Amino acid sequence: MSPETSKNPDHGKPPVTIFVNTREFAWTEKEISYEEVYNLAFPDEPLNDGDVVRVEYSRGHNGGGAGSLQPGQTVNVKVNMVFDVYVTVRS
C-alpha cells in the first residue's frame, strides 16, 4: 500500500510515515494538529452538533510518547507515530 500524501510534499523536509486509524500517511510537517489528525481520519466528514472526538497518539517522542490531543493542540511528529481517532455522539 502506498502512503497517502498530506500537506505539501515539496515542503523541503522528507516525509515521515504516520498511521491514523491504521491507515498509512506521509507527513512533511514537524507538527500535526488535532484538526489535521481528524481530517486524515475522516476526510470530508464535518462534525455534527453533539459529536465528541477523542484523538490519542502513541509511539511519539520521549520514550513511549503516548498522550491525547485537544482542539487547537499540536504534537511533534515522529516516524511511525500512531494516532487513533474516536467519534461518539453525545446523547
PDB file of N, CA and C in Angstrom:
ATOM      1  N   MET A   1       0.857  -1.170   0.000  1.00  0.00           N
ATOM      2  CA  MET A   1       0.000   0.000   0.000  1.00  0.00           C
ATOM      3  C   MET A   1       0.898   1.225   0.000  1.00  0.00           C
ATOM      4  N   SER A   2       0.656   2.142  -0.892  1.00  0.00           N
ATOM      5  CA  SER A   2       1.468   3.357  -0.901  1.00  0.00           C
ATOM      6  C   SER A   2       0.856   4.386   0.031  1.00  0.00           C
ATOM      7  N   PRO A   3       1.677   5.110   0.778  1.00  0.00           N
ATOM      8  CA  PRO A   3       1.142   6.086   1.725  1.00  0.00           C
ATOM      9  C   PRO A   3       0.472   7.242   1.004  1.00  0.00           C
ATOM     10  N   GLU A   4      -0.612   7.705   1.602  1.00  0.00           N
ATOM     11  CA  GLU A   4      -1.271   8.895   1.085  1.00  0.00           C
ATOM     12  C   GLU A   4      -0.441  10.092   1.512  1.00  0.00           C
ATOM     13  N   THR A   5      -0.322  11.075   0.647  1.00  0.00           N
ATOM     14  CA  THR A   5       0.497  12.230   0.961  1.00  0.00           C
ATOM     15  C   THR A   5      -0.359  13.330   1.545  1.00  0.00           C
ATOM     16  N   SER A   6       0.131  13.912   2.634  1.00  0.00           N
ATOM     17  CA  SER A   6      -0.557  15.003   3.291  1.00  0.00           C
ATOM     18  C   SER A   6       0.347  16.212   3.301  1.00  0.00           C
ATOM     19  N   LYS A   7      -0.243  17.363   3.319  1.00  0.00           N
ATOM     20  CA  LYS A   7       0.488  18.623   3.295  1.00  0.00           C
ATOM     21  C   LYS A   7       1.190  18.762   1.960  1.00  0.00           C
ATOM     22  N   ASN A   8       2.172  19.613   1.891  1.00  0.00           N
ATOM     23  CA  ASN A   8       2.893  19.873   0.647  1.00  0.00           C
ATOM     24  C   ASN A   8       4.130  18.983   0.590  1.00  0.00           C
ATOM     25  N   PRO A   9       4.186  18.051  -0.367  1.00  0.00           N
ATOM     26  CA  PRO A   9       5.341  17.159  -0.414  1.00  0.00           C
ATOM     27  C   PRO A   9       6.640  17.887  -0.754  1.00  0.00           C
ATOM     28  N   ASP A  10       6.566  19.119  -1.254  1.00  0.00           N
ATOM     29  CA  ASP A  10       7.758  19.881  -1.598  1.00  0.00           C
ATOM     30  C   ASP A  10       8.183  20.820  -0.474  1.00  0.00           C
ATOM     31  N   HIS A  11       7.717  20.575   0.728  1.00  0.00           N
ATOM     32  CA  HIS A  11       7.987  21.449   1.865  1.00  0.00           C
ATOM     33  C   HIS A  11       9.477  21.541   2.184  1.00  0.00           C
ATOM     34  N   GLY A  12      10.289  20.596   1.707  1.00  0.00           N
ATOM     35  CA  GLY A  12      11.720  20.639   1.973  1.00  0.00           C
ATOM     36  C   GLY A  12      12.165  19.538   2.905  1.00  0.00           C
ATOM     37  N   LYS A  13      11.315  19.096   3.775  1.00  0.00           N
ATOM     38  CA  LYS A  13      11.633  18.020   4.702  1.00  0.00           C
ATOM     39  C   LYS A  13      11.102  16.716   4.112  1.00  0.00           C
ATOM     40  N   PRO A  14      11.905  15.657   4.124  1.00  0.00           N
ATOM     41  CA  PRO A  14      11.386  14.390   3.605  1.00  0.00           C
ATOM     42  C   PRO A  14      10.219  13.917   4.469  1.00  0.00           C
ATOM     43  N   PRO A  15       9.215  13.333   3.852  1.00  0.00           N
ATOM     44  CA  PRO A  15       8.057  12.902   4.634  1.00  0.00           C
ATOM     45  C   PRO A  15       8.394  11.732   5.554  1.00  0.00           C
ATOM     46  N   VAL A  16       7.677  11.671   6.665  1.00  0.00           N
ATOM     47  CA  VAL A  16       7.757  10.520   7.562  1.00  0.00           C
ATOM     48  C   VAL A  16       6.419   9.796   7.485  1.00  0.00           C
ATOM     49  N   THR A  17       6.433   8.532   7.801  1.00  0.00           N
ATOM     50  CA  THR A  17       5.210   7.746   7.798  1.00  0.00           C
ATOM     51  C   THR A  17       4.549   7.841   9.159  1.00  0.00           C
ATOM     52  N   ILE A  18       3.256   8.164   9.156  1.00  0.00           N
ATOM     53  CA  ILE A  18       2.444   8.126  10.371  1.00  0.00           C
ATOM     54  C   ILE A  18       1.230   7.249  10.067  1.00  0.00           C
ATOM     55  N   PHE A  19       0.565   6.798  11.106  1.00  0.00           N
ATOM     56  CA  PHE A  19      -0.617   5.955  10.956  1.00  0.00           C
ATOM     57  C   PHE A  19      -1.783   6.613  11.678  1.00  0.00           C
ATOM     58  N   VAL A  20      -2.896   6.759  10.966  1.00  0.00           N
ATOM     59  CA  VAL A  20      -4.109   7.336  11.540  1.00  0.00           C
ATOM     60  C   VAL A  20      -5.220   6.321  11.329  1.00  0.00           C
ATOM     61  N   ASN A  21      -5.756   5.807  12.434  1.00  0.00           N
ATOM     62  CA  ASN A  21      -6.779   4.753  12.382  1.00  0.00           C
ATOM     63  C   ASN A  21      -6.339   3.625  11.451  1.00  0.00           C
ATOM     64  N   THR A  22      -5.116   3.186  11.617  1.00  0.00           N
ATOM     65  CA  THR A  22      -4.443   2.089  10.907  1.00  0.00           C
ATOM     66  C   THR A  22      -4.091   2.391   9.455  1.00  0.00           C
ATOM     67  N   ARG A  23      -4.433   3.570   8.937  1.00  0.00           N
ATOM     68  CA  ARG A  23      -4.074   3.919   7.559  1.00  0.00           C
ATOM     69  C   ARG A  23      -2.748   4.682   7.562  1.00  0.00           C
ATOM     70  N   GLU A  24      -1.932   4.413   6.558  1.00  0.00           N
ATOM     71  CA  GLU A  24      -0.597   4.989   6.438  1.00  0.00           C
ATOM     72  C   GLU A  24      -0.659   6.307   5.679  1.00  0.00           C
ATOM     73  N   PHE A  25       0.059   7.318   6.202  1.00  0.00           N
ATOM     74  CA  PHE A  25       0.140   8.625   5.562  1.00  0.00           C
ATOM     75  C   PHE A  25       1.581   9.104   5.578  1.00  0.00           C
ATOM     76  N   ALA A  26       1.954   9.873   4.565  1.00  0.00           N
ATOM     77  CA  ALA A  26       3.252  10.553   4.546  1.00  0.00           C
ATOM     78  C   ALA A  26       3.018  11.972   5.064  1.00  0.00           C
ATOM     79  N   TRP A  27       3.841  12.407   6.008  1.00  0.00           N
ATOM     80  CA  TRP A  27       3.670  13.725   6.637  1.00  0.00           C
ATOM     81  C   TRP A  27       4.981  14.488   6.567  1.00  0.00           C
ATOM     82  N   THR A  28       4.953  15.733   6.101  1.00  0.00           N
ATOM     83  CA  THR A  28       6.189  16.501   5.935  1.00  0.00           C
ATOM     84  C   THR A  28       6.385  17.599   6.969  1.00  0.00           C
ATOM     85  N   GLU A  29       5.389  17.867   7.773  1.00  0.00           N
ATOM     86  CA  GLU A  29       5.497  18.931   8.775  1.00  0.00           C
ATOM     87  C   GLU A  29       6.108  18.405  10.063  1.00  0.00           C
ATOM     88  N   LYS A  30       6.671  19.310  10.847  1.00  0.00           N
ATOM     89  CA  LYS A  30       7.271  18.953  12.140  1.00  0.00           C
ATOM     90  C   LYS A  30       6.189  18.570  13.154  1.00  0.00           C
ATOM     91  N   GLU A  31       5.036  19.223  13.060  1.00  0.00           N
ATOM     92  CA  GLU A  31       3.936  19.001  13.998  1.00  0.00           C
ATOM     93  C   GLU A  31       2.670  18.621  13.243  1.00  0.00           C
ATOM     94  N   ILE A  32       1.729  18.081  13.995  1.00  0.00           N
ATOM     95  CA  ILE A  32       0.399  17.823  13.454  1.00  0.00           C
ATOM     96  C   ILE A  32      -0.610  18.255  14.508  1.00  0.00           C
ATOM     97  N   SER A  33      -1.716  18.826  14.062  1.00  0.00           N
ATOM     98  CA  SER A  33      -2.726  19.335  14.992  1.00  0.00           C
ATOM     99  C   SER A  33      -3.871  18.338  15.154  1.00  0.00           C
ATOM    100  N   TYR A  34      -4.617  18.548  16.188  1.00  0.00           N
ATOM    101  CA  TYR A  34      -5.841  17.786  16.458  1.00  0.00           C
ATOM    102  C   TYR A  34      -6.730  17.794  15.221  1.00  0.00           C
ATOM    103  N   GLU A  35      -6.919  18.975  14.643  1.00  0.00           N
ATOM    104  CA  GLU A  35      -7.801  19.121  13.491  1.00  0.00           C
ATOM    105  C   GLU A  35      -7.257  18.391  12.257  1.00  0.00           C
ATOM    106  N   GLU A  36      -5.942  18.447  12.070  1.00  0.00           N
ATOM    107  CA  GLU A  36      -5.335  17.753  10.924  1.00  0.00           C
ATOM    108  C   GLU A  36      -5.463  16.241  11.064  1.00  0.00           C
ATOM    109  N   VAL A  37      -5.278  15.729  12.275  1.00  0.00           N
ATOM    110  CA  VAL A  37      -5.440  14.290  12.502  1.00  0.00           C
ATOM    111  C   VAL A  37      -6.878  13.883  12.220  1.00  0.00           C
ATOM    112  N   TYR A  38      -7.835  14.664  12.721  1.00  0.00           N
ATOM    113  CA  TYR A  38      -9.248  14.359  12.459  1.00  0.00           C
ATOM    114  C   TYR A  38      -9.522  14.325  10.952  1.00  0.00           C
ATOM    115  N   ASN A  39      -9.007  15.304  10.222  1.00  0.00           N
ATOM    116  CA  ASN A  39      -9.247  15.375   8.776  1.00  0.00           C
ATOM    117  C   ASN A  39      -8.606  14.202   8.028  1.00  0.00           C
ATOM    118  N   LEU A  40      -7.491  13.678   8.510  1.00  0.00           N
ATOM    119  CA  LEU A  40      -6.921  12.480   7.903  1.00  0.00           C
ATOM    120  C   LEU A  40      -7.787  11.255   8.198  1.00  0.00           C
ATOM    121  N   ALA A  41      -8.301  11.178   9.417  1.00  0.00           N
ATOM    122  CA  ALA A  41      -9.121  10.026   9.807  1.00  0.00           C
ATOM    123  C   ALA A  41     -10.477  10.029   9.104  1.00  0.00           C
ATOM    124  N   PHE A  42     -11.080  11.208   8.975  1.00  0.00           N
ATOM    125  CA  PHE A  42     -12.420  11.322   8.411  1.00  0.00           C
ATOM    126  C   PHE A  42     -12.468  12.464   7.402  1.00  0.00           C
ATOM    127  N   PRO A  43     -11.833  12.279   6.239  1.00  0.00           N
ATOM    128  CA  PRO A  43     -11.827  13.355   5.241  1.00  0.00           C
ATOM    129  C   PRO A  43     -13.235  13.662   4.761  1.00  0.00           C
ATOM    130  N   ASP A  44     -13.502  14.936   4.579  1.00  0.00           N
ATOM    131  CA  ASP A  44     -14.803  15.398   4.068  1.00  0.00           C
ATOM    132  C   ASP A  44     -15.985  14.988   4.937  1.00  0.00           C
ATOM    133  N   GLU A  45     -15.753  14.777   6.232  1.00  0.00           N
ATOM    134  CA  GLU A  45     -16.838  14.464   7.151  1.00  0.00           C
ATOM    135  C   GLU A  45     -16.839  15.497   8.280  1.00  0.00           C
ATOM    136  N   PRO A  46     -17.584  16.586   8.099  1.00  0.00           N
ATOM    137  CA  PRO A  46     -17.624  17.600   9.158  1.00  0.00           C
ATOM    138  C   PRO A  46     -18.306  17.046  10.411  1.00  0.00           C
ATOM    139  N   LEU A  47     -17.944  17.613  11.537  1.00  0.00           N
ATOM    140  CA  LEU A  47     -18.559  17.206  12.798  1.00  0.00           C
ATOM    141  C   LEU A  47     -19.960  17.782  12.914  1.00  0.00           C
ATOM    142  N   ASN A  48     -20.836  17.033  13.542  1.00  0.00           N
ATOM    143  CA  ASN A  48     -22.193  17.490  13.806  1.00  0.00           C
ATOM    144  C   ASN A  48     -22.293  17.944  15.255  1.00  0.00           C
ATOM    145  N   ASP A  49     -23.324  18.732  15.552  1.00  0.00           N
ATOM    146  CA  ASP A  49     -23.564  19.118  16.937  1.00  0.00           C
ATOM    147  C   ASP A  49     -23.751  17.850  17.753  1.00  0.00           C
ATOM    148  N   GLY A  50     -23.114  17.784  18.873  1.00  0.00           N
ATOM    149  CA  GLY A  50     -23.228  16.618  19.731  1.00  0.00           C
ATOM    150  C   GLY A  50     -22.147  15.584  19.508  1.00  0.00           C
ATOM    151  N   ASP A  51     -21.357  15.693  18.419  1.00  0.00           N
ATOM    152  CA  ASP A  51     -20.252  14.764  18.206  1.00  0.00           C
ATOM    153  C   ASP A  51     -19.116  15.088  19.167  1.00  0.00           C
ATOM    154  N   VAL A  52     -18.526  14.063  19.719  1.00  0.00           N
ATOM    155  CA  VAL A  52     -17.380  14.209  20.604  1.00  0.00           C
ATOM    156  C   VAL A  52     -16.232  13.417  19.974  1.00  0.00           C
ATOM    157  N   VAL A  53     -15.093  14.085  19.798  1.00  0.00           N
ATOM    158  CA  VAL A  53     -13.934  13.451  19.159  1.00  0.00           C
ATOM    159  C   VAL A  53     -12.808  13.317  20.174  1.00  0.00           C
ATOM    160  N   ARG A  54     -12.242  12.130  20.226  1.00  0.00           N
ATOM    161  CA  ARG A  54     -11.076  11.881  21.077  1.00  0.00           C
ATOM    162  C   ARG A  54      -9.929  11.488  20.156  1.00  0.00           C
ATOM    163  N   VAL A  55      -8.787  12.176  20.265  1.00  0.00           N
ATOM    164  CA  VAL A  55      -7.598  11.884  19.466  1.00  0.00           C
ATOM    165  C   VAL A  55      -6.494  11.443  20.430  1.00  0.00           C
ATOM    166  N   GLU A  56      -6.061  10.198  20.269  1.00  0.00           N
ATOM    167  CA  GLU A  56      -4.984   9.661  21.092  1.00  0.00           C
ATOM    168  C   GLU A  56      -3.815   9.296  20.200  1.00  0.00           C
ATOM    169  N   TYR A  57      -2.600   9.379  20.745  1.00  0.00           N
ATOM    170  CA  TYR A  57      -1.428   9.005  19.963  1.00  0.00           C
ATOM    171  C   TYR A  57      -0.477   8.166  20.797  1.00  0.00           C
ATOM    172  N   SER A  58       0.369   7.401  20.093  1.00  0.00           N
ATOM    173  CA  SER A  58       1.403   6.597  20.734  1.00  0.00           C
ATOM    174  C   SER A  58       2.609   6.535  19.803  1.00  0.00           C
ATOM    175  N   ARG A  59       3.703   6.002  20.307  1.00  0.00           N
ATOM    176  CA  ARG A  59       4.972   5.923  19.582  1.00  0.00           C
ATOM    177  C   ARG A  59       5.515   7.305  19.223  1.00  0.00           C
ATOM    178  N   GLY A  60       5.243   8.267  20.085  1.00  0.00           N
ATOM    179  CA  GLY A  60       5.738   9.619  19.873  1.00  0.00           C
ATOM    180  C   GLY A  60       7.105   9.807  20.506  1.00  0.00           C
ATOM    181  N   HIS A  61       7.482  11.039  20.724  1.00  0.00           N
ATOM    182  CA  HIS A  61       8.775  11.374  21.319  1.00  0.00           C
ATOM    183  C   HIS A  61       8.779  11.042  22.810  1.00  0.00           C
ATOM    184  N   ASN A  62       9.948  11.078  23.396  1.00  0.00           N
ATOM    185  CA  ASN A  62      10.141  10.857  24.834  1.00  0.00           C
ATOM    186  C   ASN A  62       9.693   9.465  25.263  1.00  0.00           C
ATOM    187  N   GLY A  63      10.367   8.464  24.780  1.00  0.00           N
ATOM    188  CA  GLY A  63      10.040   7.098  25.176  1.00  0.00           C
ATOM    189  C   GLY A  63       8.792   6.610  24.487  1.00  0.00           C
ATOM    190  N   GLY A  64       7.814   6.235  25.266  1.00  0.00           N
ATOM    191  CA  GLY A  64       6.553   5.740  24.718  1.00  0.00           C
ATOM    192  C   GLY A  64       5.797   6.817  23.978  1.00  0.00           C
ATOM    193  N   GLY A  65       5.914   8.049  24.450  1.00  0.00           N
ATOM    194  CA  GLY A  65       5.305   9.182  23.774  1.00  0.00           C
ATOM    195  C   GLY A  65       3.826   9.053  23.542  1.00  0.00           C
ATOM    196  N   ALA A  66       3.081   8.591  24.523  1.00  0.00           N
ATOM    197  CA  ALA A  66       1.639   8.451  24.388  1.00  0.00           C
ATOM    198  C   ALA A  66       0.948   9.651  25.012  1.00  0.00           C
ATOM    199  N   GLY A  67      -0.211   9.986  24.455  1.00  0.00           N
ATOM    200  CA  GLY A  67      -0.988  11.087  25.005  1.00  0.00           C
ATOM    201  C   GLY A  67      -2.232  11.320  24.191  1.00  0.00           C
ATOM    202  N   SER A  68      -2.849  12.459  24.419  1.00  0.00           N
ATOM    203  CA  SER A  68      -4.053  12.807  23.675  1.00  0.00           C
ATOM    204  C   SER A  68      -3.971  14.271  23.255  1.00  0.00           C
ATOM    205  N   LEU A  69      -4.722  14.595  22.226  1.00  0.00           N
ATOM    206  CA  LEU A  69      -4.792  15.967  21.724  1.00  0.00           C
ATOM    207  C   LEU A  69      -6.184  16.525  21.942  1.00  0.00           C
ATOM    208  N   GLN A  70      -6.233  17.789  22.268  1.00  0.00           N
ATOM    209  CA  GLN A  70      -7.485  18.524  22.410  1.00  0.00           C
ATOM    210  C   GLN A  70      -7.595  19.514  21.255  1.00  0.00           C
ATOM    211  N   PRO A  71      -8.786  20.014  20.962  1.00  0.00           N
ATOM    212  CA  PRO A  71      -8.917  21.001  19.878  1.00  0.00           C
ATOM    213  C   PRO A  71      -7.917  22.145  20.041  1.00  0.00           C
ATOM    214  N   GLY A  72      -7.240  22.490  18.938  1.00  0.00           N
ATOM    215  CA  GLY A  72      -6.271  23.569  18.939  1.00  0.00           C
ATOM    216  C   GLY A  72      -4.863  23.158  19.326  1.00  0.00           C
ATOM    217  N   GLN A  73      -4.663  21.941  19.805  1.00  0.00           N
ATOM    218  CA  GLN A  73      -3.339  21.483  20.217  1.00  0.00           C
ATOM    219  C   GLN A  73      -2.597  20.821  19.068  1.00  0.00           C
ATOM    220  N   THR A  74      -1.262  20.795  19.185  1.00  0.00           N
ATOM    221  CA  THR A  74      -0.404  20.095  18.231  1.00  0.00           C
ATOM    222  C   THR A  74       0.555  19.191  18.993  1.00  0.00           C
ATOM    223  N   VAL A  75       1.176  18.273  18.258  1.00  0.00           N
ATOM    224  CA  VAL A  75       2.204  17.403  18.821  1.00  0.00           C
ATOM    225  C   VAL A  75       3.289  17.245  17.765  1.00  0.00           C
ATOM    226  N   ASN A  76       4.551  17.124  18.199  1.00  0.00           N
ATOM    227  CA  ASN A  76       5.651  16.864  17.273  1.00  0.00           C
ATOM    228  C   ASN A  76       5.502  15.464  16.698  1.00  0.00           C
ATOM    229  N   VAL A  77       5.746  15.344  15.398  1.00  0.00           N
ATOM    230  CA  VAL A  77       5.576  14.082  14.689  1.00  0.00           C
ATOM    231  C   VAL A  77       6.872  13.297  14.696  1.00  0.00           C
ATOM    232  N   LYS A  78       6.757  11.988  14.807  1.00  0.00           N
ATOM    233  CA  LYS A  78       7.895  11.076  14.790  1.00  0.00           C
ATOM    234  C   LYS A  78       7.570   9.944  13.812  1.00  0.00           C
ATOM    235  N   VAL A  79       8.588   9.376  13.195  1.00  0.00           N
ATOM    236  CA  VAL A  79       8.407   8.259  12.261  1.00  0.00           C
ATOM    237  C   VAL A  79       7.604   7.139  12.929  1.00  0.00           C
ATOM    238  N   ASN A  80       6.617   6.630  12.204  1.00  0.00           N
ATOM    239  CA  ASN A  80       5.760   5.524  12.638  1.00  0.00           C
ATOM    240  C   ASN A  80       4.890   5.847  13.852  1.00  0.00           C
ATOM    241  N   MET A  81       4.629   7.120  14.075  1.00  0.00           N
ATOM    242  CA  MET A  81       3.731   7.534  15.139  1.00  0.00           C
ATOM    243  C   MET A  81       2.323   7.047  14.802  1.00  0.00           C
ATOM    244  N   VAL A  82       1.567   6.674  15.820  1.00  0.00           N
ATOM    245  CA  VAL A  82       0.234   6.117  15.634  1.00  0.00           C
ATOM    246  C   VAL A  82      -0.802   7.041  16.279  1.00  0.00           C
ATOM    247  N   PHE A  83      -1.857   7.338  15.517  1.00  0.00           N
ATOM    248  CA  PHE A  83      -2.967   8.155  16.005  1.00  0.00           C
ATOM    249  C   PHE A  83      -4.253   7.353  15.900  1.00  0.00           C
ATOM    250  N   ASP A  84      -5.052   7.407  16.947  1.00  0.00           N
ATOM    251  CA  ASP A  84      -6.373   6.781  16.943  1.00  0.00           C
ATOM    252  C   ASP A  84      -7.400   7.867  17.193  1.00  0.00           C
ATOM    253  N   VAL A  85      -8.386   7.951  16.301  1.00  0.00           N
ATOM    254  CA  VAL A  85      -9.424   8.980  16.387  1.00  0.00           C
ATOM    255  C   VAL A  85     -10.756   8.297  16.596  1.00  0.00           C
ATOM    256  N   TYR A  86     -11.445   8.679  17.670  1.00  0.00           N
ATOM    257  CA  TYR A  86     -12.738   8.106  18.019  1.00  0.00           C
ATOM    258  C   TYR A  86     -13.795   9.189  18.000  1.00  0.00           C
ATOM    259  N   VAL A  87     -14.913   8.926  17.343  1.00  0.00           N
ATOM    260  CA  VAL A  87     -16.029   9.870  17.315  1.00  0.00           C
ATOM    261  C   VAL A  87     -17.216   9.191  17.983  1.00  0.00           C
ATOM    262  N   THR A  88     -17.799   9.872  18.964  1.00  0.00           N
ATOM    263  CA  THR A  88     -19.011   9.373  19.596  1.00  0.00           C
ATOM    264  C   THR A  88     -20.045  10.481  19.560  1.00  0.00           C
ATOM    265  N   VAL A  89     -21.299  10.091  19.670  1.00  0.00           N
ATOM    266  CA  VAL A  89     -22.398  11.046  19.658  1.00  0.00           C
ATOM    267  C   VAL A  89     -22.916  11.185  21.072  1.00  0.00           C
ATOM    268  N   ARG A  90     -22.932  12.430  21.543  1.00  0.00           N
ATOM    269  CA  ARG A  90     -23.450  12.719  22.864  1.00  0.00           C
ATOM    270  C   ARG A  90     -24.965  12.551  22.827  1.00  0.00           C
ATOM    271  N   SER A  91     -25.507  11.804  23.783  1.00  0.00           N
ATOM    272  CA  SER A  91     -26.961  11.632  23.792  1.00  0.00           C
ATOM    273  C   SER A  91     -27.608  12.369  24.939  1.00  0.00           C
TER     274      SER A  91
END
